[in-house]
Protein backbone atom coordinates (compact mmCIF):
# COMPACT_ATOMS: atom_id res chain seq x y z
CA MET A 1 152.93 161.21 -78.23
CA GLU A 2 155.58 160.21 -80.56
CA LYS A 3 154.52 157.46 -83.04
CA VAL A 4 156.01 153.94 -83.12
CA LYS A 5 158.19 153.28 -85.76
CA ALA A 6 157.29 150.20 -87.80
CA VAL A 7 159.04 148.63 -90.94
CA ILE A 8 156.49 146.47 -93.39
CA ILE A 9 157.42 144.40 -96.05
CA VAL A 10 154.98 145.21 -99.02
CA SER A 11 154.64 142.94 -101.87
CA GLY A 12 151.73 144.81 -103.71
CA GLY A 13 149.34 141.70 -102.92
CA MET A 14 146.20 141.42 -100.86
CA ASP A 15 148.09 140.39 -97.48
CA SER A 16 150.69 143.14 -97.28
CA ALA A 17 148.26 145.76 -98.74
CA THR A 18 145.49 144.94 -96.05
CA LEU A 19 148.19 144.91 -93.37
CA LEU A 20 149.68 148.06 -94.66
CA TYR A 21 146.41 149.77 -94.04
CA LYS A 22 145.97 148.05 -90.70
CA ILE A 23 149.14 149.54 -89.23
CA VAL A 24 148.56 152.89 -90.81
CA LYS A 25 145.18 152.90 -89.25
CA GLU A 26 146.44 151.80 -85.97
CA GLY A 27 148.74 155.03 -86.08
CA PHE A 28 152.29 153.53 -86.65
CA ASP A 29 154.88 155.57 -88.23
CA VAL A 30 155.31 153.20 -91.05
CA TYR A 31 158.30 152.58 -93.49
CA PRO A 32 157.37 150.17 -96.22
CA VAL A 33 160.06 147.94 -98.13
CA THR A 34 159.56 146.07 -101.20
CA PHE A 35 161.84 143.50 -102.84
CA ASN A 36 162.87 143.28 -106.25
CA TYR A 37 164.31 139.71 -106.31
CA GLY A 38 164.14 138.86 -110.05
CA GLN A 39 160.61 137.54 -109.79
CA ARG A 40 158.59 136.83 -112.94
CA HIS A 41 155.87 138.92 -111.44
CA VAL A 42 157.43 142.32 -111.32
CA ARG A 43 153.97 143.75 -111.72
CA GLU A 44 153.46 143.59 -108.15
CA ILE A 45 156.27 146.14 -107.25
CA GLN A 46 154.44 148.67 -109.24
CA SER A 47 151.34 147.85 -107.08
CA ALA A 48 153.29 148.34 -103.98
CA GLN A 49 154.35 151.79 -105.23
CA TRP A 50 150.81 152.75 -106.03
CA LEU A 51 149.64 151.61 -102.65
CA CYS A 52 152.28 153.72 -100.63
CA THR A 53 151.28 156.63 -102.66
CA ARG A 54 147.77 156.28 -101.92
CA LEU A 55 148.42 156.18 -98.29
CA HIS A 56 151.05 159.20 -98.80
CA LEU A 57 154.23 156.99 -97.77
CA GLU A 58 155.93 157.46 -101.03
CA ASP A 59 158.95 159.31 -99.39
CA LYS A 60 159.48 156.34 -96.68
CA HIS A 61 158.98 153.41 -99.42
CA LYS A 62 162.16 151.58 -100.23
CA ILE A 63 162.41 149.21 -103.36
CA ILE A 64 165.46 146.88 -102.61
CA THR A 65 167.17 144.86 -105.13
CA LEU A 66 168.00 141.13 -103.85
CA PRO A 67 170.19 138.60 -105.91
CA ILE A 68 167.98 135.87 -105.17
CA LYS A 69 167.21 134.84 -108.96
CA ASP A 70 171.25 134.44 -109.07
CA ILE A 71 171.10 131.58 -106.52
CA VAL A 72 167.72 129.90 -107.21
CA SER A 73 167.10 128.17 -110.08
CA ASN A 74 164.34 125.60 -109.31
CA SER A 75 161.64 127.89 -108.71
CA SER A 76 158.83 128.83 -111.44
CA LEU A 77 159.00 132.51 -109.88
CA THR A 78 162.78 132.94 -110.72
CA SER A 79 163.34 130.90 -113.50
CA ASP A 80 162.15 129.84 -116.95
CA ILE A 81 160.05 127.03 -115.42
CA GLU A 82 156.61 127.58 -116.42
CA VAL A 83 154.34 128.75 -113.78
CA PRO A 84 152.12 125.75 -112.46
CA GLU A 85 148.29 125.99 -112.55
CA GLY A 86 145.72 124.69 -109.95
CA HIS A 87 145.20 125.19 -106.27
CA TYR A 88 147.72 125.57 -103.73
CA ALA A 89 146.85 121.94 -102.55
CA ASP A 90 148.07 120.47 -105.87
CA GLU A 91 151.65 118.97 -105.63
CA ASN A 92 152.95 120.89 -108.79
CA MET A 93 152.46 124.35 -106.79
CA LYS A 94 155.60 123.38 -104.83
CA LEU A 95 157.20 124.69 -107.94
CA THR A 96 156.42 128.47 -106.67
CA VAL A 97 158.30 127.99 -103.53
CA VAL A 98 161.35 130.31 -103.53
CA PRO A 99 163.82 128.59 -101.12
CA ASN A 100 164.36 130.85 -98.15
CA ARG A 101 162.81 133.93 -99.56
CA ASN A 102 161.22 135.07 -96.48
CA MET A 103 164.25 134.70 -94.34
CA ILE A 104 166.31 136.83 -96.69
CA MET A 105 163.90 139.40 -96.71
CA LEU A 106 163.23 139.70 -93.31
CA SER A 107 167.00 139.69 -92.71
CA VAL A 108 167.24 142.79 -94.79
CA ALA A 109 164.29 144.35 -93.52
CA LEU A 110 165.38 143.91 -89.92
CA GLY A 111 168.86 145.66 -90.95
CA HIS A 112 166.65 148.68 -92.33
CA ALA A 113 164.53 148.54 -88.95
CA ILE A 114 167.56 148.40 -87.05
CA ASN A 115 169.06 151.23 -88.97
CA ILE A 116 166.08 153.75 -88.37
CA LYS A 117 165.31 152.69 -84.78
CA ALA A 118 162.03 151.22 -85.62
CA SER A 119 160.75 148.62 -82.86
CA ARG A 120 158.53 146.57 -85.18
CA LEU A 121 158.84 144.57 -88.26
CA PHE A 122 155.64 143.43 -89.98
CA TYR A 123 155.01 140.91 -92.81
CA GLY A 124 151.75 139.39 -94.20
CA ALA A 125 152.14 135.39 -93.74
CA HIS A 126 148.79 133.93 -93.46
CA ALA A 127 147.29 130.52 -92.49
CA GLY A 128 146.91 129.62 -96.20
CA ASP A 129 150.48 129.65 -96.85
CA HIS A 130 151.66 127.26 -94.19
CA ALA A 131 151.33 123.77 -96.12
CA ILE A 132 153.39 125.13 -99.11
CA TYR A 133 155.71 127.59 -98.04
CA PRO A 134 157.66 126.45 -95.30
CA ASP A 135 158.75 130.03 -94.30
CA CYS A 136 155.05 130.91 -93.47
CA ARG A 137 154.77 128.71 -90.74
CA PRO A 138 154.09 129.75 -87.15
CA GLU A 139 157.30 127.96 -86.01
CA PHE A 140 159.21 129.97 -88.53
CA VAL A 141 157.96 133.22 -87.41
CA GLN A 142 158.53 132.45 -84.08
CA ALA A 143 162.26 131.47 -84.51
CA MET A 144 162.71 134.60 -86.65
CA SER A 145 161.31 136.35 -83.99
CA VAL A 146 163.87 135.10 -81.28
CA ALA A 147 166.63 135.69 -83.93
CA ALA A 148 165.39 139.25 -84.67
CA LEU A 149 165.71 140.01 -80.69
CA LEU A 150 169.32 138.49 -80.68
CA ALA A 151 170.62 140.27 -83.89
CA ASP A 152 171.17 143.91 -82.56
CA TRP A 153 171.41 145.75 -79.01
CA HIS A 154 168.37 147.67 -80.71
CA LYS A 155 165.22 145.26 -80.36
CA VAL A 156 162.97 144.68 -83.14
CA ASN A 157 159.67 142.44 -83.04
CA ILE A 158 159.01 140.59 -85.92
CA GLU A 159 154.91 140.52 -86.30
CA ALA A 160 152.77 138.33 -88.32
CA PRO A 161 149.11 139.47 -87.37
CA PHE A 162 147.40 137.24 -90.00
CA LEU A 163 149.49 134.09 -89.31
CA HIS A 164 146.18 132.27 -88.19
CA MET A 165 143.84 133.89 -90.61
CA ASP A 166 142.75 132.65 -94.18
CA LYS A 167 142.91 134.71 -97.39
CA GLY A 168 139.13 135.26 -97.01
CA ASP A 169 138.84 136.92 -93.63
CA ILE A 170 142.00 139.09 -94.85
CA ALA A 171 139.55 140.11 -97.56
CA LYS A 172 136.92 140.99 -95.26
CA LEU A 173 139.44 142.81 -93.11
CA GLY A 174 140.41 144.87 -96.01
CA LEU A 175 137.00 145.59 -97.05
CA GLU A 176 136.35 147.06 -93.86
CA LEU A 177 139.75 149.15 -93.80
CA GLY A 178 138.91 150.37 -97.19
CA VAL A 179 141.70 148.97 -99.37
CA ASP A 180 141.76 149.72 -102.95
CA TRP A 181 141.96 146.35 -104.23
CA SER A 182 142.37 147.69 -107.81
CA LEU A 183 146.01 148.80 -106.57
CA THR A 184 147.00 145.26 -105.81
CA TRP A 185 148.21 142.30 -107.76
CA THR A 186 148.40 138.78 -107.09
CA CYS A 187 148.97 136.56 -110.23
CA TYR A 188 152.32 134.65 -110.56
CA LYS A 189 152.42 135.11 -114.32
CA GLY A 190 152.68 138.95 -114.00
CA LYS A 191 151.01 139.76 -117.49
CA GLU A 192 148.62 142.69 -118.42
CA LYS A 193 145.71 140.72 -116.96
CA ALA A 194 145.54 138.15 -114.09
CA CYS A 195 145.46 134.34 -115.60
CA LEU A 196 142.83 133.18 -113.00
CA LYS A 197 144.36 129.87 -112.93
CA CYS A 198 147.54 129.83 -111.19
CA GLY A 199 147.48 129.12 -107.44
CA ALA A 200 147.99 132.52 -106.44
CA CYS A 201 144.88 133.64 -108.56
CA CYS A 202 142.81 130.69 -107.51
CA GLU A 203 143.37 131.61 -103.68
CA ARG A 204 142.59 135.12 -104.60
CA VAL A 205 139.37 134.41 -106.25
CA GLY A 206 138.43 132.17 -103.25
CA ALA A 207 139.07 134.80 -100.85
CA PHE A 208 136.88 137.66 -102.67
CA GLN A 209 134.04 135.08 -103.01
CA LYS A 210 134.20 134.21 -99.34
CA ALA A 211 134.05 138.19 -98.74
CA GLY A 212 131.06 138.28 -100.88
CA MET A 213 132.50 140.74 -103.33
CA ARG A 214 133.93 140.92 -106.96
CA ASP A 215 137.63 141.01 -107.47
CA PRO A 216 138.20 144.67 -109.35
CA LEU A 217 140.75 143.40 -111.33
CA VAL A 218 138.03 140.90 -113.12
CA ASP A 219 135.54 142.19 -115.26
CA ARG A 220 131.82 141.21 -113.99
CA GLU A 221 131.21 138.66 -116.61
CA THR A 222 134.24 136.84 -116.39
CA TRP A 223 133.82 136.76 -112.64
CA ASP A 224 130.13 135.27 -112.88
CA GLN A 225 131.66 132.53 -115.05
CA LEU A 226 134.38 131.52 -112.49
CA PRO A 227 133.84 128.41 -110.35
CA ILE A 228 133.17 128.65 -106.67
CA ILE A 229 136.37 127.89 -105.11
CA LYS A 230 136.50 126.57 -101.47
């Protein structure tokens, strides 16, 4: 029986890594797409490459350059604005929003899916993103799913399986799936080591704490000194 073709947006972070492992295990014929949009944390692109190589998908993996940085100047992820520190619930974390990023990426990934006649397009939006990132809300995913079905005669379903899961639950699922967390990257600052202070790092730390394991990117002494994040 021929496998169902699926395109997946892989950022190199925890959510997309777990989703990648999940759909590979489910037997899809997987075509990963990663976007270089001028983001500050380009370290994640390398992580995406490592993940795809680990799963023997390097020949199907596309890295696509988008000029988002050229049109967005008010996000700390695409400009010289300092990356804020703190939890996602903090007001200053809105500086990490890249306007309309997911719609742009989904549109390009959809074109790729239509071109190769894939019938599924996956991305890793999850419940923890709803409050701060408008393009991760269920209403947005639903609207994009409708638009995708109208975009071409070839039908592609947009799916976000983690839409109602938090990052801790995603970490638990990734543990079950055998995700190699050492290959992933989350920190917004994109330096040699994770800062453990930005919103992305705080959420990642909380997720691993909920899953009852240490983040392999953090040494044990440092990990044991981190506060419990809820």
